[in-house]
PDB file of N, CA and C in Angstrom:
ATOM      1  N   MET A   1       2.319   1.320 -14.310  1.00  0.00           N
ATOM      2  CA  MET A   1       1.248   0.185 -14.073  1.00  0.00           C
ATOM      3  C   MET A   1       1.145  -0.223 -15.330  1.00  0.00           C
ATOM      4  N   ARG A   2       1.531  -1.250 -15.901  1.00  0.00           N
ATOM      5  CA  ARG A   2       1.413  -1.674 -17.445  1.00  0.00           C
ATOM      6  C   ARG A   2       0.097  -2.794 -17.279  1.00  0.00           C
ATOM      7  N   ASN A   3      -0.756  -2.394 -18.150  1.00  0.00           N
ATOM      8  CA  ASN A   3      -1.499  -3.314 -18.567  1.00  0.00           C
ATOM      9  C   ASN A   3      -2.663  -3.476 -17.633  1.00  0.00           C
ATOM     10  N   ALA A   4      -3.190  -2.177 -16.737  1.00  0.00           N
ATOM     11  CA  ALA A   4      -3.941  -2.245 -15.525  1.00  0.00           C
ATOM     12  C   ALA A   4      -5.490  -2.460 -16.153  1.00  0.00           C
ATOM     13  N   LYS A   5      -6.056  -3.425 -15.663  1.00  0.00           N
ATOM     14  CA  LYS A   5      -7.290  -3.677 -16.103  1.00  0.00           C
ATOM     15  C   LYS A   5      -8.225  -3.164 -15.012  1.00  0.00           C
ATOM     16  N   ILE A   6      -8.966  -2.008 -15.160  1.00  0.00           N
ATOM     17  CA  ILE A   6      -9.834  -1.314 -14.281  1.00  0.00           C
ATOM     18  C   ILE A   6     -11.174  -1.865 -14.682  1.00  0.00           C
ATOM     19  N   LYS A   7     -12.046  -2.259 -14.006  1.00  0.00           N
ATOM     20  CA  LYS A   7     -13.289  -2.341 -14.342  1.00  0.00           C
ATOM     21  C   LYS A   7     -14.119  -0.932 -14.612  1.00  0.00           C
ATOM     22  N   ALA A   8     -15.101  -0.753 -15.383  1.00  0.00           N
ATOM     23  CA  ALA A   8     -15.732   0.522 -15.640  1.00  0.00           C
ATOM     24  C   ALA A   8     -16.207   0.986 -14.347  1.00  0.00           C
ATOM     25  N   VAL A   9     -16.907  -0.058 -13.366  1.00  0.00           N
ATOM     26  CA  VAL A   9     -17.453   0.211 -12.219  1.00  0.00           C
ATOM     27  C   VAL A   9     -16.666   0.621 -11.388  1.00  0.00           C
ATOM     28  N   ASN A  10     -15.357   0.204 -11.302  1.00  0.00           N
ATOM     29  CA  ASN A  10     -14.366   0.697 -10.134  1.00  0.00           C
ATOM     30  C   ASN A  10     -13.708   1.914 -10.429  1.00  0.00           C
ATOM     31  N   ALA A  11     -13.681   2.739 -11.830  1.00  0.00           N
ATOM     32  CA  ALA A  11     -13.033   3.680 -11.979  1.00  0.00           C
ATOM     33  C   ALA A  11     -13.129   4.624 -11.303  1.00  0.00           C
ATOM     34  N   PRO A  12     -14.154   5.049 -10.933  1.00  0.00           N
ATOM     35  CA  PRO A  12     -14.354   6.625  -9.848  1.00  0.00           C
ATOM     36  C   PRO A  12     -13.378   6.314  -8.887  1.00  0.00           C
ATOM     37  N   GLN A  13     -13.660   4.938  -8.020  1.00  0.00           N
ATOM     38  CA  GLN A  13     -12.665   4.629  -6.978  1.00  0.00           C
ATOM     39  C   GLN A  13     -11.126   4.740  -7.395  1.00  0.00           C
ATOM     40  N   PHE A  14     -10.766   3.987  -8.574  1.00  0.00           N
ATOM     41  CA  PHE A  14      -9.490   4.190  -8.903  1.00  0.00           C
ATOM     42  C   PHE A  14      -8.944   5.736  -9.239  1.00  0.00           C
ATOM     43  N   ILE A  15      -9.418   6.474  -9.894  1.00  0.00           N
ATOM     44  CA  ILE A  15      -9.274   8.101  -9.826  1.00  0.00           C
ATOM     45  C   ILE A  15      -9.095   8.778  -8.656  1.00  0.00           C
ATOM     46  N   LYS A  16      -9.955   8.392  -7.708  1.00  0.00           N
ATOM     47  CA  LYS A  16      -9.973   8.857  -6.407  1.00  0.00           C
ATOM     48  C   LYS A  16      -8.604   8.513  -5.786  1.00  0.00           C
ATOM     49  N   HIS A  17      -8.085   7.318  -5.880  1.00  0.00           N
ATOM     50  CA  HIS A  17      -7.226   6.588  -5.329  1.00  0.00           C
ATOM     51  C   HIS A  17      -5.756   7.261  -5.814  1.00  0.00           C
ATOM     52  N   LEU A  18      -5.852   7.602  -7.032  1.00  0.00           N
ATOM     53  CA  LEU A  18      -4.786   8.137  -8.069  1.00  0.00           C
ATOM     54  C   LEU A  18      -4.438   9.683  -7.393  1.00  0.00           C
ATOM     55  N   GLU A  19      -5.393  10.360  -7.049  1.00  0.00           N
ATOM     56  CA  GLU A  19      -5.716  11.732  -6.607  1.00  0.00           C
ATOM     57  C   GLU A  19      -5.242  11.709  -5.195  1.00  0.00           C
ATOM     58  N   ILE A  20      -5.409  10.767  -4.148  1.00  0.00           N
ATOM     59  CA  ILE A  20      -4.868  10.632  -2.929  1.00  0.00           C
ATOM     60  C   ILE A  20      -3.165  10.261  -3.052  1.00  0.00           C
ATOM     61  N   VAL A  21      -2.958   9.277  -3.953  1.00  0.00           N
ATOM     62  CA  VAL A  21      -1.464   9.079  -4.070  1.00  0.00           C
ATOM     63  C   VAL A  21      -0.735  10.048  -4.454  1.00  0.00           C
ATOM     64  N   SER A  22      -1.547  10.946  -5.250  1.00  0.00           N
ATOM     65  CA  SER A  22      -0.568  12.201  -5.884  1.00  0.00           C
ATOM     66  C   SER A  22      -0.302  13.412  -4.989  1.00  0.00           C
ATOM     67  N   LYS A  23      -1.486  13.086  -4.106  1.00  0.00           N
ATOM     68  CA  LYS A  23      -1.249  14.069  -2.811  1.00  0.00           C
ATOM     69  C   LYS A  23      -0.020  13.733  -1.765  1.00  0.00           C
ATOM     70  N   LEU A  24      -0.250  12.524  -1.391  1.00  0.00           N
ATOM     71  CA  LEU A  24       0.603  11.683  -0.579  1.00  0.00           C
ATOM     72  C   LEU A  24       2.316  11.894  -1.247  1.00  0.00           C
ATOM     73  N   SER A  25       2.576  11.789  -2.438  1.00  0.00           N
ATOM     74  CA  SER A  25       3.505  11.657  -3.105  1.00  0.00           C
ATOM     75  C   SER A  25       4.226  13.089  -3.493  1.00  0.00           C
ATOM     76  N   GLY A  26       3.384  13.916  -3.909  1.00  0.00           N
ATOM     77  CA  GLY A  26       3.753  15.254  -4.242  1.00  0.00           C
ATOM     78  C   GLY A  26       3.968  15.383  -5.598  1.00  0.00           C
ATOM     79  N   VAL A  27       3.516  14.216  -6.377  1.00  0.00           N
ATOM     80  CA  VAL A  27       3.370  13.878  -7.979  1.00  0.00           C
ATOM     81  C   VAL A  27       2.120  14.511  -8.449  1.00  0.00           C
ATOM     82  N   ASP A  28       2.413  15.442  -9.362  1.00  0.00           N
ATOM     83  CA  ASP A  28       1.023  16.110  -9.978  1.00  0.00           C
ATOM     84  C   ASP A  28      -0.027  14.997 -10.290  1.00  0.00           C
ATOM     85  N   TYR A  29      -1.080  14.979 -10.061  1.00  0.00           N
ATOM     86  CA  TYR A  29      -2.380  14.211 -10.633  1.00  0.00           C
ATOM     87  C   TYR A  29      -2.228  14.903 -12.112  1.00  0.00           C
ATOM     88  N   PRO A  30      -2.356  13.943 -13.274  1.00  0.00           N
ATOM     89  CA  PRO A  30      -2.837  12.578 -12.991  1.00  0.00           C
ATOM     90  C   PRO A  30      -1.671  11.645 -13.240  1.00  0.00           C
ATOM     91  N   TYR A  31      -0.640  11.802 -12.829  1.00  0.00           N
ATOM     92  CA  TYR A  31       0.743  11.118 -13.312  1.00  0.00           C
ATOM     93  C   TYR A  31       1.293  10.288 -12.213  1.00  0.00           C
ATOM     94  N   PRO A  32       0.501   9.808 -11.046  1.00  0.00           N
ATOM     95  CA  PRO A  32       1.207   9.170 -10.186  1.00  0.00           C
ATOM     96  C   PRO A  32       1.273   7.397 -10.565  1.00  0.00           C
ATOM     97  N   PHE A  33       1.169   7.339 -11.877  1.00  0.00           N
ATOM     98  CA  PHE A  33       0.786   5.573 -12.067  1.00  0.00           C
ATOM     99  C   PHE A  33       2.086   4.831 -11.627  1.00  0.00           C
ATOM    100  N   ASP A  34       3.308   5.412 -11.962  1.00  0.00           N
ATOM    101  CA  ASP A  34       4.447   4.645 -11.575  1.00  0.00           C
ATOM    102  C   ASP A  34       4.656   4.469 -10.221  1.00  0.00           C
ATOM    103  N   ILE A  35       3.829   5.360  -9.344  1.00  0.00           N
ATOM    104  CA  ILE A  35       4.222   5.237  -7.806  1.00  0.00           C
ATOM    105  C   ILE A  35       3.093   4.125  -7.520  1.00  0.00           C
ATOM    106  N   VAL A  36       2.197   3.985  -8.070  1.00  0.00           N
ATOM    107  CA  VAL A  36       1.179   3.266  -7.741  1.00  0.00           C
ATOM    108  C   VAL A  36       1.476   1.717  -8.341  1.00  0.00           C
ATOM    109  N   GLY A  37       2.016   1.804  -9.034  1.00  0.00           N
ATOM    110  CA  GLY A  37       2.615   0.191  -9.526  1.00  0.00           C
ATOM    111  C   GLY A  37       3.602   0.042  -8.788  1.00  0.00           C
ATOM    112  N   GLU A  38       4.675   0.794  -8.224  1.00  0.00           N
ATOM    113  CA  GLU A  38       5.513   0.311  -7.344  1.00  0.00           C
ATOM    114  C   GLU A  38       4.953  -0.061  -6.038  1.00  0.00           C
ATOM    115  N   LEU A  39       4.027   0.582  -5.643  1.00  0.00           N
ATOM    116  CA  LEU A  39       3.117   0.429  -4.495  1.00  0.00           C
ATOM    117  C   LEU A  39       2.288  -0.993  -4.481  1.00  0.00           C
ATOM    118  N   VAL A  40       2.002  -1.398  -5.608  1.00  0.00           N
ATOM    119  CA  VAL A  40       1.616  -2.879  -5.785  1.00  0.00           C
ATOM    120  C   VAL A  40       2.935  -3.739  -5.890  1.00  0.00           C
ATOM    121  N   ARG A  41       3.749  -3.493  -6.535  1.00  0.00           N
ATOM    122  CA  ARG A  41       4.866  -4.299  -6.039  1.00  0.00           C
ATOM    123  C   ARG A  41       5.313  -4.708  -5.081  1.00  0.00           C
ATOM    124  N   LEU A  42       5.465  -3.508  -4.024  1.00  0.00           N
ATOM    125  CA  LEU A  42       5.934  -3.424  -2.726  1.00  0.00           C
ATOM    126  C   LEU A  42       4.906  -4.560  -2.030  1.00  0.00           C
ATOM    127  N   GLU A  43       3.842  -4.089  -2.228  1.00  0.00           N
ATOM    128  CA  GLU A  43       2.527  -4.880  -1.617  1.00  0.00           C
ATOM    129  C   GLU A  43       2.745  -6.476  -1.651  1.00  0.00           C
ATOM    130  N   ASN A  44       2.736  -6.580  -3.125  1.00  0.00           N
ATOM    131  CA  ASN A  44       3.054  -8.287  -3.341  1.00  0.00           C
ATOM    132  C   ASN A  44       4.145  -8.726  -2.539  1.00  0.00           C
ATOM    133  N   ARG A  45       5.192  -8.055  -2.442  1.00  0.00           N
ATOM    134  CA  ARG A  45       6.609  -8.755  -1.866  1.00  0.00           C
ATOM    135  C   ARG A  45       6.296  -8.629  -0.134  1.00  0.00           C
ATOM    136  N   ALA A  46       5.580  -7.706   0.298  1.00  0.00           N
ATOM    137  CA  ALA A  46       5.315  -7.902   1.572  1.00  0.00           C
ATOM    138  C   ALA A  46       4.524  -8.846   2.051  1.00  0.00           C
ATOM    139  N   ASN A  47       3.569  -8.970   1.307  1.00  0.00           N
ATOM    140  CA  ASN A  47       2.660 -10.178   1.448  1.00  0.00           C
ATOM    141  C   ASN A  47       3.097 -11.458   1.257  1.00  0.00           C
ATOM    142  N   ARG A  48       4.148 -11.709   0.576  1.00  0.00           N
ATOM    143  CA  ARG A  48       5.099 -12.983   0.152  1.00  0.00           C
ATOM    144  C   ARG A  48       5.594 -13.468   1.589  1.00  0.00           C
ATOM    145  N   ILE A  49       6.378 -11.938   2.063  1.00  0.00           N
ATOM    146  CA  ILE A  49       7.116 -12.317   3.195  1.00  0.00           C
ATOM    147  C   ILE A  49       6.280 -12.672   4.514  1.00  0.00           C
ATOM    148  N   CYS A  50       5.145 -11.787   4.563  1.00  0.00           N
ATOM    149  CA  CYS A  50       4.492 -12.114   5.549  1.00  0.00           C
ATOM    150  C   CYS A  50       3.738 -13.707   5.680  1.00  0.00           C
ATOM    151  N   THR A  51       3.525 -14.235   4.451  1.00  0.00           N
ATOM    152  CA  THR A  51       3.385 -15.311   4.368  1.00  0.00           C
ATOM    153  C   THR A  51       4.181 -16.306   4.554  1.00  0.00           C
ATOM    154  N   MET A  52       5.482 -16.241   4.266  1.00  0.00           N
ATOM    155  CA  MET A  52       6.523 -16.795   4.547  1.00  0.00           C
ATOM    156  C   MET A  52       6.679 -16.898   6.303  1.00  0.00           C
ATOM    157  N   GLN A  53       6.364 -15.730   6.727  1.00  0.00           N
ATOM    158  CA  GLN A  53       6.770 -15.840   8.194  1.00  0.00           C
ATOM    159  C   GLN A  53       5.960 -16.592   8.796  1.00  0.00           C
ATOM    160  N   CYS A  54       4.284 -16.713   8.190  1.00  0.00           N
ATOM    161  CA  CYS A  54       3.394 -17.188   9.025  1.00  0.00           C
ATOM    162  C   CYS A  54       3.505 -18.527   8.906  1.00  0.00           C
ATOM    163  N   ASN A  55       4.167 -19.170   7.774  1.00  0.00           N
ATOM    164  CA  ASN A  55       4.416 -20.468   7.372  1.00  0.00           C
ATOM    165  C   ASN A  55       5.448 -20.864   7.982  1.00  0.00           C
ATOM    166  N   GLY A  56       6.359 -19.970   8.869  1.00  0.00           N
ATOM    167  CA  GLY A  56       7.669 -20.604   9.358  1.00  0.00           C
ATOM    168  C   GLY A  56       8.798 -20.868   8.466  1.00  0.00           C
ATOM    169  N   GLU A  57       8.867 -20.376   7.272  1.00  0.00           N
ATOM    170  CA  GLU A  57       9.792 -20.543   6.300  1.00  0.00           C
ATOM    171  C   GLU A  57      11.047 -19.261   6.244  1.00  0.00           C
ATOM    172  N   GLY A  58      11.909 -19.664   6.258  1.00  0.00           N
ATOM    173  CA  GLY A  58      13.057 -18.464   6.296  1.00  0.00           C
ATOM    174  C   GLY A  58      13.485 -18.033   7.539  1.00  0.00           C
ATOM    175  N   ASP A  59      14.565 -17.234   7.345  1.00  0.00           N
ATOM    176  CA  ASP A  59      15.193 -16.664   8.706  1.00  0.00           C
ATOM    177  C   ASP A  59      14.033 -15.432   9.153  1.00  0.00           C
ATOM    178  N   SER A  60      13.605 -15.359  10.301  1.00  0.00           N
ATOM    179  CA  SER A  60      12.919 -14.410  10.704  1.00  0.00           C
ATOM    180  C   SER A  60      13.334 -13.101  10.924  1.00  0.00           C
ATOM    181  N   GLU A  61      14.570 -13.254  11.207  1.00  0.00           N
ATOM    182  CA  GLU A  61      15.471 -11.768  11.312  1.00  0.00           C
ATOM    183  C   GLU A  61      15.649 -11.181  10.032  1.00  0.00           C
ATOM    184  N   LYS A  62      15.945 -11.882   9.060  1.00  0.00           N
ATOM    185  CA  LYS A  62      16.339 -11.431   7.470  1.00  0.00           C
ATOM    186  C   LYS A  62      15.038 -10.950   7.074  1.00  0.00           C
ATOM    187  N   LEU A  63      13.864 -11.723   7.341  1.00  0.00           N
ATOM    188  CA  LEU A  63      12.480 -11.374   6.887  1.00  0.00           C
ATOM    189  C   LEU A  63      12.175  -9.812   7.502  1.00  0.00           C
ATOM    190  N   ASP A  64      12.008 -10.163   8.686  1.00  0.00           N
ATOM    191  CA  ASP A  64      12.018  -8.556   9.000  1.00  0.00           C
ATOM    192  C   ASP A  64      12.857  -7.280   8.733  1.00  0.00           C
ATOM    193  N   ILE A  65      14.055  -7.794   8.359  1.00  0.00           N
ATOM    194  CA  ILE A  65      14.823  -6.620   7.593  1.00  0.00           C
ATOM    195  C   ILE A  65      14.251  -6.280   6.207  1.00  0.00           C
ATOM    196  N   GLN A  66      13.681  -7.018   5.646  1.00  0.00           N
ATOM    197  CA  GLN A  66      13.232  -6.976   4.182  1.00  0.00           C
ATOM    198  C   GLN A  66      11.940  -6.217   4.399  1.00  0.00           C
ATOM    199  N   LEU A  67      11.106  -6.636   5.202  1.00  0.00           N
ATOM    200  CA  LEU A  67       9.894  -5.626   5.717  1.00  0.00           C
ATOM    201  C   LEU A  67      10.205  -4.258   6.252  1.00  0.00           C
ATOM    202  N   SER A  68      11.297  -4.135   6.835  1.00  0.00           N
ATOM    203  CA  SER A  68      11.788  -2.623   7.258  1.00  0.00           C
ATOM    204  C   SER A  68      12.086  -2.101   6.149  1.00  0.00           C
ATOM    205  N   LYS A  69      12.711  -2.568   5.053  1.00  0.00           N
ATOM    206  CA  LYS A  69      13.329  -1.844   3.850  1.00  0.00           C
ATOM    207  C   LYS A  69      12.010  -1.831   3.221  1.00  0.00           C
ATOM    208  N   ILE A  70      11.070  -2.517   2.791  1.00  0.00           N
ATOM    209  CA  ILE A  70       9.675  -2.249   2.165  1.00  0.00           C
ATOM    210  C   ILE A  70       9.031  -0.991   2.959  1.00  0.00           C
ATOM    211  N   GLU A  71       8.880  -0.903   4.090  1.00  0.00           N
ATOM    212  CA  GLU A  71       8.430   0.333   5.225  1.00  0.00           C
ATOM    213  C   GLU A  71       9.325   1.547   4.686  1.00  0.00           C
ATOM    214  N   GLN A  72      10.572   1.659   4.352  1.00  0.00           N
ATOM    215  CA  GLN A  72      11.380   2.863   4.091  1.00  0.00           C
ATOM    216  C   GLN A  72      11.065   3.089   2.496  1.00  0.00           C
ATOM    217  N   LYS A  73      11.052   2.012   1.847  1.00  0.00           N
ATOM    218  CA  LYS A  73      10.624   2.808   0.458  1.00  0.00           C
ATOM    219  C   LYS A  73       9.329   2.974   0.306  1.00  0.00           C
ATOM    220  N   VAL A  74       8.271   2.573   1.108  1.00  0.00           N
ATOM    221  CA  VAL A  74       6.947   3.184   0.740  1.00  0.00           C
ATOM    222  C   VAL A  74       7.006   4.828   1.411  1.00  0.00           C
ATOM    223  N   LEU A  75       7.592   4.744   2.443  1.00  0.00           N
ATOM    224  CA  LEU A  75       7.581   6.000   3.125  1.00  0.00           C
ATOM    225  C   LEU A  75       8.621   7.176   2.155  1.00  0.00           C
ATOM    226  N   LYS A  76       9.431   6.717   1.490  1.00  0.00           N
ATOM    227  CA  LYS A  76      10.306   7.304   0.588  1.00  0.00           C
ATOM    228  C   LYS A  76       9.449   7.870  -0.582  1.00  0.00           C
ATOM    229  N   LEU A  77       8.335   6.897  -1.177  1.00  0.00           N
ATOM    230  CA  LEU A  77       7.379   7.078  -2.268  1.00  0.00           C
ATOM    231  C   LEU A  77       6.477   8.180  -1.852  1.00  0.00           C
ATOM    232  N   LEU A  78       6.114   8.320  -0.615  1.00  0.00           N
ATOM    233  CA  LEU A  78       4.928   8.906  -0.200  1.00  0.00           C
ATOM    234  C   LEU A  78       5.542   9.995   0.921  1.00  0.00           C
ATOM    235  N   PRO A  79       6.052  10.993   0.704  1.00  0.00           N
ATOM    236  CA  PRO A  79       6.850  11.580   1.795  1.00  0.00           C
ATOM    237  C   PRO A  79       5.829  12.437   2.487  1.00  0.00           C
ATOM    238  N   ASN A  80       4.399  12.677   1.856  1.00  0.00           N
ATOM    239  CA  ASN A  80       3.752  13.671   2.916  1.00  0.00           C
ATOM    240  C   ASN A  80       2.783  12.444   3.623  1.00  0.00           C
ATOM    241  N   LEU A  81       2.854  11.390   3.521  1.00  0.00           N
ATOM    242  CA  LEU A  81       2.054  10.274   4.329  1.00  0.00           C
ATOM    243  C   LEU A  81       2.652  10.313   5.902  1.00  0.00           C
ATOM    244  N   ASN A  82       1.843  10.540   6.864  1.00  0.00           N
ATOM    245  CA  ASN A  82       2.084  10.476   8.298  1.00  0.00           C
ATOM    246  C   ASN A  82       2.558   9.339   8.612  1.00  0.00           C
ATOM    247  N   LYS A  83       4.056   9.044   8.849  1.00  0.00           N
ATOM    248  CA  LYS A  83       4.871   7.993   9.223  1.00  0.00           C
ATOM    249  C   LYS A  83       4.498   7.302  10.214  1.00  0.00           C
ATOM    250  N   ASP A  84       3.299   7.914  11.517  1.00  0.00           N
ATOM    251  CA  ASP A  84       3.160   7.146  12.529  1.00  0.00           C
ATOM    252  C   ASP A  84       1.714   6.364  12.043  1.00  0.00           C
ATOM    253  N   SER A  85       1.282   6.798  11.011  1.00  0.00           N
ATOM    254  CA  SER A  85      -0.248   6.198  10.675  1.00  0.00           C
ATOM    255  C   SER A  85       0.295   4.670   9.740  1.00  0.00           C
ATOM    256  N   PHE A  86       1.256   4.842   8.993  1.00  0.00           N
ATOM    257  CA  PHE A  86       1.538   3.672   8.194  1.00  0.00           C
ATOM    258  C   PHE A  86       1.918   2.271   9.091  1.00  0.00           C
ATOM    259  N   PHE A  87       1.759   1.194   8.483  1.00  0.00           N
ATOM    260  CA  PHE A  87       2.395   0.036   8.988  1.00  0.00           C
ATOM    261  C   PHE A  87       2.197  -1.072   7.972  1.00  0.00           C
ATOM    262  N   ILE A  88       2.828  -2.166   8.206  1.00  0.00           N
ATOM    263  CA  ILE A  88       2.653  -3.517   7.646  1.00  0.00           C
ATOM    264  C   ILE A  88       1.982  -4.465   8.227  1.00  0.00           C
ATOM    265  N   ASN A  89       0.736  -4.909   7.604  1.00  0.00           N
ATOM    266  CA  ASN A  89       0.028  -5.849   8.345  1.00  0.00           C
ATOM    267  C   ASN A  89       0.517  -7.281   8.075  1.00  0.00           C
ATOM    268  N   GLY A  90       0.960  -7.797   9.483  1.00  0.00           N
ATOM    269  CA  GLY A  90       1.601  -8.890   9.157  1.00  0.00           C
ATOM    270  C   GLY A  90       0.694 -10.334   8.950  1.00  0.00           C
ATOM    271  N   ASP A  91      -0.347 -10.135   8.781  1.00  0.00           N
ATOM    272  CA  ASP A  91      -1.749 -11.030   8.392  1.00  0.00           C
ATOM    273  C   ASP A  91      -1.662 -11.384   7.048  1.00  0.00           C
ATOM    274  N   PRO A  92      -1.012 -12.313   6.291  1.00  0.00           N
ATOM    275  CA  PRO A  92      -1.101 -12.523   4.814  1.00  0.00           C
ATOM    276  C   PRO A  92      -2.366 -12.700   4.092  1.00  0.00           C
ATOM    277  N   ARG A  93      -3.558 -12.954   4.962  1.00  0.00           N
ATOM    278  CA  ARG A  93      -4.908 -12.990   4.358  1.00  0.00           C
ATOM    279  C   ARG A  93      -5.521 -11.800   3.624  1.00  0.00           C
ATOM    280  N   GLY A  94      -4.940 -10.623   3.947  1.00  0.00           N
ATOM    281  CA  GLY A  94      -5.298  -9.551   3.566  1.00  0.00           C
ATOM    282  C   GLY A  94      -4.308  -8.753   2.840  1.00  0.00           C
ATOM    283  N   TYR A  95      -4.328  -7.548   2.899  1.00  0.00           N
ATOM    284  CA  TYR A  95      -3.228  -6.432   2.449  1.00  0.00           C
ATOM    285  C   TYR A  95      -2.620  -5.950   3.278  1.00  0.00           C
ATOM    286  N   SER A  96      -1.074  -6.154   2.998  1.00  0.00           N
ATOM    287  CA  SER A  96      -0.211  -5.664   3.954  1.00  0.00           C
ATOM    288  C   SER A  96       0.106  -4.146   4.183  1.00  0.00           C
ATOM    289  N   LEU A  97      -0.041  -3.321   3.214  1.00  0.00           N
ATOM    290  CA  LEU A  97       0.645  -1.898   3.248  1.00  0.00           C
ATOM    291  C   LEU A  97      -0.727  -1.312   3.597  1.00  0.00           C
ATOM    292  N   LYS A  98      -0.743  -0.442   5.070  1.00  0.00           N
ATOM    293  CA  LYS A  98      -2.038  -0.170   5.397  1.00  0.00           C
ATOM    294  C   LYS A  98      -1.729   1.250   6.296  1.00  0.00           C
ATOM    295  N   ILE A  99      -3.021   1.964   6.389  1.00  0.00           N
ATOM    296  CA  ILE A  99      -2.785   3.225   7.129  1.00  0.00           C
ATOM    297  C   ILE A  99      -3.708   2.983   8.367  1.00  0.00           C
ATOM    298  N   LYS A 100      -3.428   3.514   9.398  1.00  0.00           N
ATOM    299  CA  LYS A 100      -4.290   3.557  10.380  1.00  0.00           C
ATOM    300  C   LYS A 100      -5.656   4.511   9.983  1.00  0.00           C
ATOM    301  N   GLU A 101      -6.656   3.705  10.465  1.00  0.00           N
ATOM    302  CA  GLU A 101      -8.213   4.108  10.526  1.00  0.00           C
ATOM    303  C   GLU A 101      -8.370   5.357  10.672  1.00  0.00           C
ATOM    304  N   GLU A 102      -7.800   6.313  11.763  1.00  0.00           N
ATOM    305  CA  GLU A 102      -8.110   7.940  11.830  1.00  0.00           C
ATOM    306  C   GLU A 102      -7.268   8.608  10.383  1.00  0.00           C
ATOM    307  N   GLU A 103      -6.294   8.383  10.082  1.00  0.00           N
ATOM    308  CA  GLU A 103      -5.696   8.733   8.874  1.00  0.00           C
ATOM    309  C   GLU A 103      -6.243   8.539   7.612  1.00  0.00           C
ATOM    310  N   ALA A 104      -6.777   7.227   7.567  1.00  0.00           N
ATOM    311  CA  ALA A 104      -7.607   6.771   6.343  1.00  0.00           C
ATOM    312  C   ALA A 104      -8.914   7.568   6.055  1.00  0.00           C
ATOM    313  N   ILE A 105      -9.606   7.661   7.251  1.00  0.00           N
ATOM    314  CA  ILE A 105     -10.749   8.511   6.936  1.00  0.00           C
ATOM    315  C   ILE A 105     -10.448  10.059   6.526  1.00  0.00           C
ATOM    316  N   LYS A 106      -9.585  10.652   7.151  1.00  0.00           N
ATOM    317  CA  LYS A 106      -9.152  11.846   6.921  1.00  0.00           C
ATOM    318  C   LYS A 106      -8.717  11.912   5.554  1.00  0.00           C
ATOM    319  N   LEU A 107      -7.853  10.778   4.881  1.00  0.00           N
ATOM    320  CA  LEU A 107      -7.635  10.971   3.442  1.00  0.00           C
ATOM    321  C   LEU A 107      -8.509  10.818   2.437  1.00  0.00           C
ATOM    322  N   GLY A 108      -9.531   9.731   3.086  1.00  0.00           N
ATOM    323  CA  GLY A 108     -10.563   9.271   2.015  1.00  0.00           C
ATOM    324  C   GLY A 108     -10.284   8.206   1.301  1.00  0.00           C
ATOM    325  N   ILE A 109      -8.860   7.573   1.673  1.00  0.00           N
ATOM    326  CA  ILE A 109      -8.555   6.361   0.892  1.00  0.00           C
ATOM    327  C   ILE A 109      -9.404   5.190   1.103  1.00  0.00           C
ATOM    328  N   TYR A 110      -9.324   4.343   0.034  1.00  0.00           N
ATOM    329  CA  TYR A 110      -9.802   3.239   0.201  1.00  0.00           C
ATOM    330  C   TYR A 110      -9.581   2.306   1.162  1.00  0.00           C
ATOM    331  N   ARG A 111     -10.826   1.598   2.199  1.00  0.00           N
ATOM    332  CA  ARG A 111     -10.589   0.850   3.357  1.00  0.00           C
ATOM    333  C   ARG A 111     -10.735  -0.251   3.263  1.00  0.00           C
ATOM    334  N   ASP A 112     -10.388  -1.012   4.005  1.00  0.00           N
ATOM    335  CA  ASP A 112     -10.743  -2.555   4.369  1.00  0.00           C
ATOM    336  C   ASP A 112     -12.007  -2.471   5.410  1.00  0.00           C
ATOM    337  N   PHE A 113     -12.621  -3.778   5.520  1.00  0.00           N
ATOM    338  CA  PHE A 113     -13.727  -4.213   6.640  1.00  0.00           C
ATOM    339  C   PHE A 113     -13.345  -3.466   8.030  1.00  0.00           C
ATOM    340  N   GLY A 114     -11.947  -3.477   8.309  1.00  0.00           N
ATOM    341  CA  GLY A 114     -11.503  -3.312   9.610  1.00  0.00           C
ATOM    342  C   GLY A 114     -11.218  -1.802   9.633  1.00  0.00           C
ATOM    343  N   GLY A 115     -11.582  -0.814   8.734  1.00  0.00           N
ATOM    344  CA  GLY A 115     -11.293   0.484   8.715  1.00  0.00           C
ATOM    345  C   GLY A 115     -10.169   0.973   8.379  1.00  0.00           C
ATOM    346  N   TYR A 116      -9.263   0.343   8.080  1.00  0.00           N
ATOM    347  CA  TYR A 116      -7.866   0.510   7.774  1.00  0.00           C
ATOM    348  C   TYR A 116      -7.665   0.727   6.534  1.00  0.00           C
ATOM    349  N   GLY A 117      -6.951   1.788   6.022  1.00  0.00           N
ATOM    350  CA  GLY A 117      -6.671   2.610   4.775  1.00  0.00           C
ATOM    351  C   GLY A 117      -5.811   1.315   3.860  1.00  0.00           C
ATOM    352  N   ILE A 118      -5.955   1.022   2.712  1.00  0.00           N
ATOM    353  CA  ILE A 118      -4.923   0.365   1.760  1.00  0.00           C
ATOM    354  C   ILE A 118      -4.448   0.924   0.714  1.00  0.00           C
ATOM    355  N   LEU A 119      -3.166   0.968   0.753  1.00  0.00           N
ATOM    356  CA  LEU A 119      -2.205   1.775  -0.202  1.00  0.00           C
ATOM    357  C   LEU A 119      -2.362   1.056  -1.444  1.00  0.00           C
ATOM    358  N   ALA A 120      -2.336  -0.178  -1.628  1.00  0.00           N
ATOM    359  CA  ALA A 120      -2.250  -0.702  -2.912  1.00  0.00           C
ATOM    360  C   ALA A 120      -3.537  -1.635  -3.175  1.00  0.00           C
ATOM    361  N   PRO A 121      -4.667  -1.263  -3.240  1.00  0.00           N
ATOM    362  CA  PRO A 121      -5.942  -2.322  -3.681  1.00  0.00           C
ATOM    363  C   PRO A 121      -5.920  -2.769  -4.932  1.00  0.00           C
ATOM    364  N   GLU A 122      -6.801  -3.279  -5.014  1.00  0.00           N
ATOM    365  CA  GLU A 122      -6.904  -4.232  -6.490  1.00  0.00           C
ATOM    366  C   GLU A 122      -8.383  -3.478  -7.029  1.00  0.00           C
ATOM    367  N   PHE A 123      -8.279  -2.790  -8.094  1.00  0.00           N
ATOM    368  CA  PHE A 123      -9.564  -2.314  -8.551  1.00  0.00           C
ATOM    369  C   PHE A 123     -10.274  -2.975  -9.662  1.00  0.00           C
TER     370      PHE A 123
END
């Protein structure tokens, strides 16, 4: 995560998020910065693809394949994440890489207003 600018008020949430990503990835805390950076890149890519799908742009089959590849990369980055709880939200108005509510509560990860866990939130 190059040039990450975290506001002081958000620092405790960011540190907690790093601890959770560390647990899910199997990488010792406080060193999951590369994983968080990759999650942010995958989040942005998934959001662009979902936007294209909603706008009717591109070949939907190819876009679905790209989303599947993103899903595989996330699960590879986070081998300790319950595979059944992870999903890609197809609505481009919010975050794309999410965890179902039950697992998010159990992990204590940052959540949206719907209760879903966010893997790559902005702090």
